[in-house]
Amino acid sequence: MTDLRKYLTTPAALIYLGLCAALLIWALAVTIGDTSDESMAGVIPLLATAPFSLVLLALPEGLAMLVLSVTFGALVNAAFIGWCARTLRRGNG
């Protein structure tokens, strides 16, 4: 668990998580404000957190599943980004 915290708190991972949070908030605002039920705004945060967000996308449809899949995908991807950043930093030091 300590390693996961190290990976998620690297600057690159935090920037990625902030970007994903901003995209998700934007998509939710656009989707909630759209009365025609034809908004495709939810696709953008899903693509930003792919491939891991697509794992949960097969679950029942709904706004809660969009939030869950984007959150899961963002956390897994951020951990991977953090691991890469720490590994590259150690290799250069």
PDB file of N, CA and C in Angstrom:
ATOM      1  N   MET A   1       0.825  -1.194   0.000  1.00  0.00           N
ATOM      2  CA  MET A   1       0.000   0.000   0.000  1.00  0.00           C
ATOM      3  C   MET A   1       0.867   1.253   0.000  1.00  0.00           C
ATOM      4  N   THR A   2       2.013   1.191   0.651  1.00  0.00           N
ATOM      5  CA  THR A   2       2.904   2.337   0.692  1.00  0.00           C
ATOM      6  C   THR A   2       3.444   2.651  -0.688  1.00  0.00           C
ATOM      7  N   ASP A   3       3.761   1.607  -1.457  1.00  0.00           N
ATOM      8  CA  ASP A   3       4.251   1.828  -2.815  1.00  0.00           C
ATOM      9  C   ASP A   3       3.187   2.484  -3.679  1.00  0.00           C
ATOM     10  N   LEU A   4       1.942   2.079  -3.510  1.00  0.00           N
ATOM     11  CA  LEU A   4       0.864   2.673  -4.289  1.00  0.00           C
ATOM     12  C   LEU A   4       0.753   4.163  -3.989  1.00  0.00           C
ATOM     13  N   ARG A   5       0.891   4.527  -2.731  1.00  0.00           N
ATOM     14  CA  ARG A   5       0.841   5.952  -2.355  1.00  0.00           C
ATOM     15  C   ARG A   5       2.002   6.707  -2.994  1.00  0.00           C
ATOM     16  N   LYS A   6       3.180   6.099  -3.021  1.00  0.00           N
ATOM     17  CA  LYS A   6       4.339   6.736  -3.653  1.00  0.00           C
ATOM     18  C   LYS A   6       4.078   6.972  -5.137  1.00  0.00           C
ATOM     19  N   TYR A   7       3.467   6.001  -5.780  1.00  0.00           N
ATOM     20  CA  TYR A   7       3.212   6.119  -7.213  1.00  0.00           C
ATOM     21  C   TYR A   7       2.134   7.156  -7.516  1.00  0.00           C
ATOM     22  N   LEU A   8       1.095   7.212  -6.680  1.00  0.00           N
ATOM     23  CA  LEU A   8      -0.009   8.135  -6.937  1.00  0.00           C
ATOM     24  C   LEU A   8       0.304   9.572  -6.553  1.00  0.00           C
ATOM     25  N   THR A   9       1.386   9.798  -5.830  1.00  0.00           N
ATOM     26  CA  THR A   9       1.718  11.157  -5.412  1.00  0.00           C
ATOM     27  C   THR A   9       2.867  11.771  -6.212  1.00  0.00           C
ATOM     28  N   THR A  10       3.284  11.132  -7.282  1.00  0.00           N
ATOM     29  CA  THR A  10       4.279  11.760  -8.150  1.00  0.00           C
ATOM     30  C   THR A  10       3.605  12.906  -8.899  1.00  0.00           C
ATOM     31  N   PRO A  11       4.372  13.929  -9.275  1.00  0.00           N
ATOM     32  CA  PRO A  11       3.759  15.061  -9.986  1.00  0.00           C
ATOM     33  C   PRO A  11       3.039  14.659 -11.278  1.00  0.00           C
ATOM     34  N   ALA A  12       3.612  13.746 -12.030  1.00  0.00           N
ATOM     35  CA  ALA A  12       2.975  13.326 -13.282  1.00  0.00           C
ATOM     36  C   ALA A  12       1.628  12.650 -13.016  1.00  0.00           C
ATOM     37  N   ALA A  13       1.568  11.796 -12.000  1.00  0.00           N
ATOM     38  CA  ALA A  13       0.320  11.112 -11.668  1.00  0.00           C
ATOM     39  C   ALA A  13      -0.724  12.098 -11.158  1.00  0.00           C
ATOM     40  N   LEU A  14      -0.303  13.076 -10.362  1.00  0.00           N
ATOM     41  CA  LEU A  14      -1.244  14.067  -9.841  1.00  0.00           C
ATOM     42  C   LEU A  14      -1.800  14.959 -10.950  1.00  0.00           C
ATOM     43  N   ILE A  15      -0.956  15.325 -11.904  1.00  0.00           N
ATOM     44  CA  ILE A  15      -1.432  16.116 -13.043  1.00  0.00           C
ATOM     45  C   ILE A  15      -2.432  15.307 -13.857  1.00  0.00           C
ATOM     46  N   TYR A  16      -2.133  14.031 -14.083  1.00  0.00           N
ATOM     47  CA  TYR A  16      -3.051  13.170 -14.825  1.00  0.00           C
ATOM     48  C   TYR A  16      -4.384  13.019 -14.094  1.00  0.00           C
ATOM     49  N   LEU A  17      -4.346  12.811 -12.785  1.00  0.00           N
ATOM     50  CA  LEU A  17      -5.580  12.681 -12.012  1.00  0.00           C
ATOM     51  C   LEU A  17      -6.390  13.974 -12.045  1.00  0.00           C
ATOM     52  N   GLY A  18      -5.724  15.118 -11.982  1.00  0.00           N
ATOM     53  CA  GLY A  18      -6.418  16.405 -12.067  1.00  0.00           C
ATOM     54  C   GLY A  18      -7.086  16.594 -13.415  1.00  0.00           C
ATOM     55  N   LEU A  19      -6.393  16.205 -14.476  1.00  0.00           N
ATOM     56  CA  LEU A  19      -6.965  16.301 -15.819  1.00  0.00           C
ATOM     57  C   LEU A  19      -8.181  15.391 -15.954  1.00  0.00           C
ATOM     58  N   CYS A  20      -8.071  14.173 -15.444  1.00  0.00           N
ATOM     59  CA  CYS A  20      -9.196  13.231 -15.515  1.00  0.00           C
ATOM     60  C   CYS A  20     -10.387  13.733 -14.700  1.00  0.00           C
ATOM     61  N   ALA A  21     -10.117  14.317 -13.528  1.00  0.00           N
ATOM     62  CA  ALA A  21     -11.203  14.863 -12.710  1.00  0.00           C
ATOM     63  C   ALA A  21     -11.888  16.020 -13.429  1.00  0.00           C
ATOM     64  N   ALA A  22     -11.103  16.887 -14.050  1.00  0.00           N
ATOM     65  CA  ALA A  22     -11.684  18.016 -14.788  1.00  0.00           C
ATOM     66  C   ALA A  22     -12.530  17.525 -15.963  1.00  0.00           C
ATOM     67  N   LEU A  23     -12.042  16.527 -16.692  1.00  0.00           N
ATOM     68  CA  LEU A  23     -12.815  15.979 -17.810  1.00  0.00           C
ATOM     69  C   LEU A  23     -14.109  15.330 -17.335  1.00  0.00           C
ATOM     70  N   LEU A  24     -14.047  14.636 -16.211  1.00  0.00           N
ATOM     71  CA  LEU A  24     -15.245  13.984 -15.684  1.00  0.00           C
ATOM     72  C   LEU A  24     -16.268  15.015 -15.222  1.00  0.00           C
ATOM     73  N   ILE A  25     -15.820  16.057 -14.545  1.00  0.00           N
ATOM     74  CA  ILE A  25     -16.742  17.109 -14.102  1.00  0.00           C
ATOM     75  C   ILE A  25     -17.374  17.802 -15.306  1.00  0.00           C
ATOM     76  N   TRP A  26     -16.568  18.081 -16.319  1.00  0.00           N
ATOM     77  CA  TRP A  26     -17.097  18.695 -17.539  1.00  0.00           C
ATOM     78  C   TRP A  26     -18.139  17.790 -18.191  1.00  0.00           C
ATOM     79  N   ALA A  27     -17.827  16.515 -18.318  1.00  0.00           N
ATOM     80  CA  ALA A  27     -18.755  15.576 -18.958  1.00  0.00           C
ATOM     81  C   ALA A  27     -20.060  15.453 -18.172  1.00  0.00           C
ATOM     82  N   LEU A  28     -19.966  15.421 -16.857  1.00  0.00           N
ATOM     83  CA  LEU A  28     -21.179  15.340 -16.039  1.00  0.00           C
ATOM     84  C   LEU A  28     -22.023  16.602 -16.190  1.00  0.00           C
ATOM     85  N   ALA A  29     -21.378  17.764 -16.219  1.00  0.00           N
ATOM     86  CA  ALA A  29     -22.112  19.023 -16.368  1.00  0.00           C
ATOM     87  C   ALA A  29     -22.818  19.086 -17.715  1.00  0.00           C
ATOM     88  N   VAL A  30     -22.140  18.667 -18.764  1.00  0.00           N
ATOM     89  CA  VAL A  30     -22.740  18.688 -20.098  1.00  0.00           C
ATOM     90  C   VAL A  30     -23.865  17.665 -20.196  1.00  0.00           C
ATOM     91  N   THR A  31     -23.655  16.481 -19.640  1.00  0.00           N
ATOM     92  CA  THR A  31     -24.654  15.413 -19.716  1.00  0.00           C
ATOM     93  C   THR A  31     -25.898  15.765 -18.905  1.00  0.00           C
ATOM     94  N   ILE A  32     -25.714  16.310 -17.727  1.00  0.00           N
ATOM     95  CA  ILE A  32     -26.865  16.673 -16.897  1.00  0.00           C
ATOM     96  C   ILE A  32     -27.633  17.831 -17.523  1.00  0.00           C
ATOM     97  N   GLY A  33     -26.925  18.757 -18.153  1.00  0.00           N
ATOM     98  CA  GLY A  33     -27.579  19.904 -18.777  1.00  0.00           C
ATOM     99  C   GLY A  33     -28.249  19.591 -20.095  1.00  0.00           C
ATOM    100  N   ASP A  34     -27.947  18.464 -20.692  1.00  0.00           N
ATOM    101  CA  ASP A  34     -28.522  18.079 -21.988  1.00  0.00           C
ATOM    102  C   ASP A  34     -29.827  17.332 -21.761  1.00  0.00           C
ATOM    103  N   THR A  35     -30.908  17.861 -22.291  1.00  0.00           N
ATOM    104  CA  THR A  35     -32.221  17.242 -22.100  1.00  0.00           C
ATOM    105  C   THR A  35     -32.578  16.254 -23.197  1.00  0.00           C
ATOM    106  N   SER A  36     -31.771  16.187 -24.246  1.00  0.00           N
ATOM    107  CA  SER A  36     -32.118  15.311 -25.367  1.00  0.00           C
ATOM    108  C   SER A  36     -31.602  13.886 -25.201  1.00  0.00           C
ATOM    109  N   ASP A  37     -30.836  13.605 -24.150  1.00  0.00           N
ATOM    110  CA  ASP A  37     -30.250  12.280 -23.893  1.00  0.00           C
ATOM    111  C   ASP A  37     -29.368  11.794 -25.036  1.00  0.00           C
ATOM    112  N   GLU A  38     -28.781  12.715 -25.767  1.00  0.00           N
ATOM    113  CA  GLU A  38     -27.908  12.351 -26.881  1.00  0.00           C
ATOM    114  C   GLU A  38     -26.475  12.840 -26.672  1.00  0.00           C
ATOM    115  N   SER A  39     -26.122  13.202 -25.460  1.00  0.00           N
ATOM    116  CA  SER A  39     -24.797  13.732 -25.192  1.00  0.00           C
ATOM    117  C   SER A  39     -23.746  12.628 -25.275  1.00  0.00           C
ATOM    118  N   MET A  40     -22.680  12.930 -25.982  1.00  0.00           N
ATOM    119  CA  MET A  40     -21.556  12.002 -26.111  1.00  0.00           C
ATOM    120  C   MET A  40     -20.361  12.483 -25.292  1.00  0.00           C
ATOM    121  N   ALA A  41     -20.602  13.409 -24.365  1.00  0.00           N
ATOM    122  CA  ALA A  41     -19.513  13.985 -23.570  1.00  0.00           C
ATOM    123  C   ALA A  41     -18.850  12.941 -22.687  1.00  0.00           C
ATOM    124  N   GLY A  42     -19.556  11.909 -22.300  1.00  0.00           N
ATOM    125  CA  GLY A  42     -18.991  10.872 -21.450  1.00  0.00           C
ATOM    126  C   GLY A  42     -17.912  10.057 -22.126  1.00  0.00           C
ATOM    127  N   VAL A  43     -17.838  10.127 -23.438  1.00  0.00           N
ATOM    128  CA  VAL A  43     -16.830   9.366 -24.174  1.00  0.00           C
ATOM    129  C   VAL A  43     -15.429   9.931 -23.934  1.00  0.00           C
ATOM    130  N   ILE A  44     -15.324  11.243 -23.782  1.00  0.00           N
ATOM    131  CA  ILE A  44     -14.009  11.882 -23.633  1.00  0.00           C
ATOM    132  C   ILE A  44     -13.279  11.396 -22.379  1.00  0.00           C
ATOM    133  N   PRO A  45     -13.904  11.426 -21.183  1.00  0.00           N
ATOM    134  CA  PRO A  45     -13.161  10.904 -20.024  1.00  0.00           C
ATOM    135  C   PRO A  45     -12.908   9.401 -20.097  1.00  0.00           C
ATOM    136  N   LEU A  46     -13.777   8.664 -20.765  1.00  0.00           N
ATOM    137  CA  LEU A  46     -13.529   7.224 -20.932  1.00  0.00           C
ATOM    138  C   LEU A  46     -12.294   6.979 -21.784  1.00  0.00           C
ATOM    139  N   LEU A  47     -12.145   7.750 -22.846  1.00  0.00           N
ATOM    140  CA  LEU A  47     -10.964   7.593 -23.697  1.00  0.00           C
ATOM    141  C   LEU A  47      -9.700   8.058 -22.986  1.00  0.00           C
ATOM    142  N   ALA A  48      -9.824   9.078 -22.144  1.00  0.00           N
ATOM    143  CA  ALA A  48      -8.652   9.581 -21.414  1.00  0.00           C
ATOM    144  C   ALA A  48      -8.168   8.581 -20.366  1.00  0.00           C
ATOM    145  N   THR A  49      -9.052   7.702 -19.904  1.00  0.00           N
ATOM    146  CA  THR A  49      -8.682   6.726 -18.880  1.00  0.00           C
ATOM    147  C   THR A  49      -8.633   5.300 -19.413  1.00  0.00           C
ATOM    148  N   ALA A  50      -8.716   5.147 -20.721  1.00  0.00           N
ATOM    149  CA  ALA A  50      -8.633   3.820 -21.331  1.00  0.00           C
ATOM    150  C   ALA A  50      -7.225   3.281 -21.138  1.00  0.00           C
ATOM    151  N   PRO A  51      -7.017   2.024 -21.092  1.00  0.00           N
ATOM    152  CA  PRO A  51      -7.905   0.906 -21.341  1.00  0.00           C
ATOM    153  C   PRO A  51      -8.646   0.411 -20.108  1.00  0.00           C
ATOM    154  N   PHE A  52      -8.212   0.856 -18.912  1.00  0.00           N
ATOM    155  CA  PHE A  52      -8.783   0.265 -17.695  1.00  0.00           C
ATOM    156  C   PHE A  52     -10.213   0.716 -17.421  1.00  0.00           C
ATOM    157  N   SER A  53     -10.608   1.888 -17.899  1.00  0.00           N
ATOM    158  CA  SER A  53     -11.989   2.327 -17.700  1.00  0.00           C
ATOM    159  C   SER A  53     -12.952   1.472 -18.518  1.00  0.00           C
ATOM    160  N   LEU A  54     -12.473   0.917 -19.606  1.00  0.00           N
ATOM    161  CA  LEU A  54     -13.335   0.105 -20.467  1.00  0.00           C
ATOM    162  C   LEU A  54     -13.659  -1.245 -19.840  1.00  0.00           C
ATOM    163  N   VAL A  55     -12.895  -1.653 -18.830  1.00  0.00           N
ATOM    164  CA  VAL A  55     -13.158  -2.920 -18.145  1.00  0.00           C
ATOM    165  C   VAL A  55     -14.505  -2.868 -17.436  1.00  0.00           C
ATOM    166  N   LEU A  56     -14.796  -1.761 -16.779  1.00  0.00           N
ATOM    167  CA  LEU A  56     -16.050  -1.627 -16.040  1.00  0.00           C
ATOM    168  C   LEU A  56     -17.195  -1.100 -16.886  1.00  0.00           C
ATOM    169  N   LEU A  57     -16.907  -0.696 -18.102  1.00  0.00           N
ATOM    170  CA  LEU A  57     -17.950  -0.127 -18.953  1.00  0.00           C
ATOM    171  C   LEU A  57     -18.999  -1.159 -19.327  1.00  0.00           C
ATOM    172  N   ALA A  58     -18.672  -2.431 -19.276  1.00  0.00           N
ATOM    173  CA  ALA A  58     -19.618  -3.481 -19.632  1.00  0.00           C
ATOM    174  C   ALA A  58     -20.681  -3.710 -18.562  1.00  0.00           C
ATOM    175  N   LEU A  59     -20.509  -3.112 -17.395  1.00  0.00           N
ATOM    176  CA  LEU A  59     -21.487  -3.249 -16.316  1.00  0.00           C
ATOM    177  C   LEU A  59     -22.741  -2.437 -16.642  1.00  0.00           C
ATOM    178  N   PRO A  60     -23.776  -2.533 -15.833  1.00  0.00           N
ATOM    179  CA  PRO A  60     -25.036  -1.835 -16.143  1.00  0.00           C
ATOM    180  C   PRO A  60     -24.835  -0.355 -16.445  1.00  0.00           C
ATOM    181  N   GLU A  61     -25.637   0.119 -17.374  1.00  0.00           N
ATOM    182  CA  GLU A  61     -25.528   1.484 -17.858  1.00  0.00           C
ATOM    183  C   GLU A  61     -26.040   2.479 -16.818  1.00  0.00           C
ATOM    184  N   GLY A  62     -25.467   3.645 -16.806  1.00  0.00           N
ATOM    185  CA  GLY A  62     -25.928   4.691 -15.914  1.00  0.00           C
ATOM    186  C   GLY A  62     -24.811   5.657 -15.573  1.00  0.00           C
ATOM    187  N   LEU A  63     -25.192   6.762 -14.985  1.00  0.00           N
ATOM    188  CA  LEU A  63     -24.238   7.799 -14.637  1.00  0.00           C
ATOM    189  C   LEU A  63     -23.257   7.331 -13.564  1.00  0.00           C
ATOM    190  N   ALA A  64     -23.741   6.540 -12.618  1.00  0.00           N
ATOM    191  CA  ALA A  64     -22.862   6.037 -11.551  1.00  0.00           C
ATOM    192  C   ALA A  64     -21.788   5.112 -12.128  1.00  0.00           C
ATOM    193  N   MET A  65     -22.123   4.328 -13.117  1.00  0.00           N
ATOM    194  CA  MET A  65     -21.136   3.427 -13.724  1.00  0.00           C
ATOM    195  C   MET A  65     -20.110   4.203 -14.530  1.00  0.00           C
ATOM    196  N   LEU A  66     -20.521   5.309 -15.142  1.00  0.00           N
ATOM    197  CA  LEU A  66     -19.566   6.164 -15.843  1.00  0.00           C
ATOM    198  C   LEU A  66     -18.552   6.724 -14.854  1.00  0.00           C
ATOM    199  N   VAL A  67     -19.029   7.230 -13.732  1.00  0.00           N
ATOM    200  CA  VAL A  67     -18.142   7.792 -12.711  1.00  0.00           C
ATOM    201  C   VAL A  67     -17.224   6.704 -12.152  1.00  0.00           C
ATOM    202  N   LEU A  68     -17.777   5.532 -11.870  1.00  0.00           N
ATOM    203  CA  LEU A  68     -16.972   4.434 -11.328  1.00  0.00           C
ATOM    204  C   LEU A  68     -15.907   3.973 -12.317  1.00  0.00           C
ATOM    205  N   SER A  69     -16.269   3.808 -13.575  1.00  0.00           N
ATOM    206  CA  SER A  69     -15.296   3.308 -14.551  1.00  0.00           C
ATOM    207  C   SER A  69     -14.201   4.333 -14.831  1.00  0.00           C
ATOM    208  N   VAL A  70     -14.553   5.616 -14.892  1.00  0.00           N
ATOM    209  CA  VAL A  70     -13.543   6.649 -15.112  1.00  0.00           C
ATOM    210  C   VAL A  70     -12.623   6.759 -13.888  1.00  0.00           C
ATOM    211  N   THR A  71     -13.191   6.690 -12.699  1.00  0.00           N
ATOM    212  CA  THR A  71     -12.386   6.753 -11.482  1.00  0.00           C
ATOM    213  C   THR A  71     -11.423   5.572 -11.395  1.00  0.00           C
ATOM    214  N   PHE A  72     -11.924   4.380 -11.655  1.00  0.00           N
ATOM    215  CA  PHE A  72     -11.073   3.185 -11.635  1.00  0.00           C
ATOM    216  C   PHE A  72      -9.967   3.295 -12.674  1.00  0.00           C
ATOM    217  N   GLY A  73     -10.330   3.659 -13.883  1.00  0.00           N
ATOM    218  CA  GLY A  73      -9.334   3.789 -14.946  1.00  0.00           C
ATOM    219  C   GLY A  73      -8.293   4.847 -14.644  1.00  0.00           C
ATOM    220  N   ALA A  74      -8.731   5.970 -14.093  1.00  0.00           N
ATOM    221  CA  ALA A  74      -7.792   7.049 -13.769  1.00  0.00           C
ATOM    222  C   ALA A  74      -6.814   6.630 -12.676  1.00  0.00           C
ATOM    223  N   LEU A  75      -7.303   5.939 -11.655  1.00  0.00           N
ATOM    224  CA  LEU A  75      -6.423   5.507 -10.569  1.00  0.00           C
ATOM    225  C   LEU A  75      -5.407   4.471 -11.034  1.00  0.00           C
ATOM    226  N   VAL A  76      -5.844   3.510 -11.828  1.00  0.00           N
ATOM    227  CA  VAL A  76      -4.912   2.485 -12.324  1.00  0.00           C
ATOM    228  C   VAL A  76      -3.878   3.112 -13.254  1.00  0.00           C
ATOM    229  N   ASN A  77      -4.338   3.968 -14.166  1.00  0.00           N
ATOM    230  CA  ASN A  77      -3.404   4.620 -15.084  1.00  0.00           C
ATOM    231  C   ASN A  77      -2.447   5.545 -14.343  1.00  0.00           C
ATOM    232  N   ALA A  78      -2.940   6.270 -13.336  1.00  0.00           N
ATOM    233  CA  ALA A  78      -2.078   7.167 -12.569  1.00  0.00           C
ATOM    234  C   ALA A  78      -1.019   6.384 -11.799  1.00  0.00           C
ATOM    235  N   ALA A  79      -1.397   5.238 -11.260  1.00  0.00           N
ATOM    236  CA  ALA A  79      -0.415   4.397 -10.573  1.00  0.00           C
ATOM    237  C   ALA A  79       0.663   3.932 -11.554  1.00  0.00           C
ATOM    238  N   PHE A  80       0.266   3.581 -12.751  1.00  0.00           N
ATOM    239  CA  PHE A  80       1.230   3.156 -13.771  1.00  0.00           C
ATOM    240  C   PHE A  80       2.128   4.329 -14.189  1.00  0.00           C
ATOM    241  N   ILE A  81       1.544   5.502 -14.366  1.00  0.00           N
ATOM    242  CA  ILE A  81       2.323   6.693 -14.714  1.00  0.00           C
ATOM    243  C   ILE A  81       3.310   7.009 -13.594  1.00  0.00           C
ATOM    244  N   GLY A  82       2.845   6.915 -12.348  1.00  0.00           N
ATOM    245  CA  GLY A  82       3.725   7.164 -11.217  1.00  0.00           C
ATOM    246  C   GLY A  82       4.855   6.159 -11.116  1.00  0.00           C
ATOM    247  N   TRP A  83       4.544   4.908 -11.387  1.00  0.00           N
ATOM    248  CA  TRP A  83       5.583   3.876 -11.377  1.00  0.00           C
ATOM    249  C   TRP A  83       6.631   4.175 -12.452  1.00  0.00           C
ATOM    250  N   CYS A  84       6.177   4.533 -13.646  1.00  0.00           N
ATOM    251  CA  CYS A  84       7.103   4.869 -14.731  1.00  0.00           C
ATOM    252  C   CYS A  84       7.966   6.068 -14.367  1.00  0.00           C
ATOM    253  N   ALA A  85       7.352   7.101 -13.788  1.00  0.00           N
ATOM    254  CA  ALA A  85       8.095   8.308 -13.418  1.00  0.00           C
ATOM    255  C   ALA A  85       9.151   7.995 -12.360  1.00  0.00           C
ATOM    256  N   ARG A  86       8.780   7.208 -11.351  1.00  0.00           N
ATOM    257  CA  ARG A  86       9.749   6.878 -10.300  1.00  0.00           C
ATOM    258  C   ARG A  86      10.880   5.995 -10.846  1.00  0.00           C
ATOM    259  N   THR A  87      10.537   5.055 -11.717  1.00  0.00           N
ATOM    260  CA  THR A  87      11.550   4.167 -12.295  1.00  0.00           C
ATOM    261  C   THR A  87      12.525   4.959 -13.161  1.00  0.00           C
ATOM    262  N   LEU A  88      12.005   5.872 -13.978  1.00  0.00           N
ATOM    263  CA  LEU A  88      12.880   6.675 -14.824  1.00  0.00           C
ATOM    264  C   LEU A  88      13.734   7.617 -13.994  1.00  0.00           C
ATOM    265  N   ARG A  89      13.186   8.158 -12.919  1.00  0.00           N
ATOM    266  CA  ARG A  89      13.939   9.061 -12.058  1.00  0.00           C
ATOM    267  C   ARG A  89      15.088   8.320 -11.372  1.00  0.00           C
ATOM    268  N   ARG A  90      14.821   7.081 -10.922  1.00  0.00           N
ATOM    269  CA  ARG A  90      15.875   6.292 -10.272  1.00  0.00           C
ATOM    270  C   ARG A  90      16.956   5.893 -11.274  1.00  0.00           C
ATOM    271  N   GLY A  91      16.560   5.648 -12.513  1.00  0.00           N
ATOM    272  CA  GLY A  91      17.531   5.261 -13.533  1.00  0.00           C
ATOM    273  C   GLY A  91      18.470   6.382 -13.911  1.00  0.00           C
ATOM    274  N   ASN A  92      18.019   7.626 -13.743  1.00  0.00           N
ATOM    275  CA  ASN A  92      18.852   8.776 -14.093  1.00  0.00           C
ATOM    276  C   ASN A  92      19.692   9.267 -12.928  1.00  0.00           C
ATOM    277  N   GLY A  93      19.403   8.802 -11.726  1.00  0.00           N
ATOM    278  CA  GLY A  93      20.103   9.296 -10.528  1.00  0.00           C
ATOM    279  C   GLY A  93      21.234   8.447 -10.207  1.00  0.00           C
TER     280      GLY A  93
END
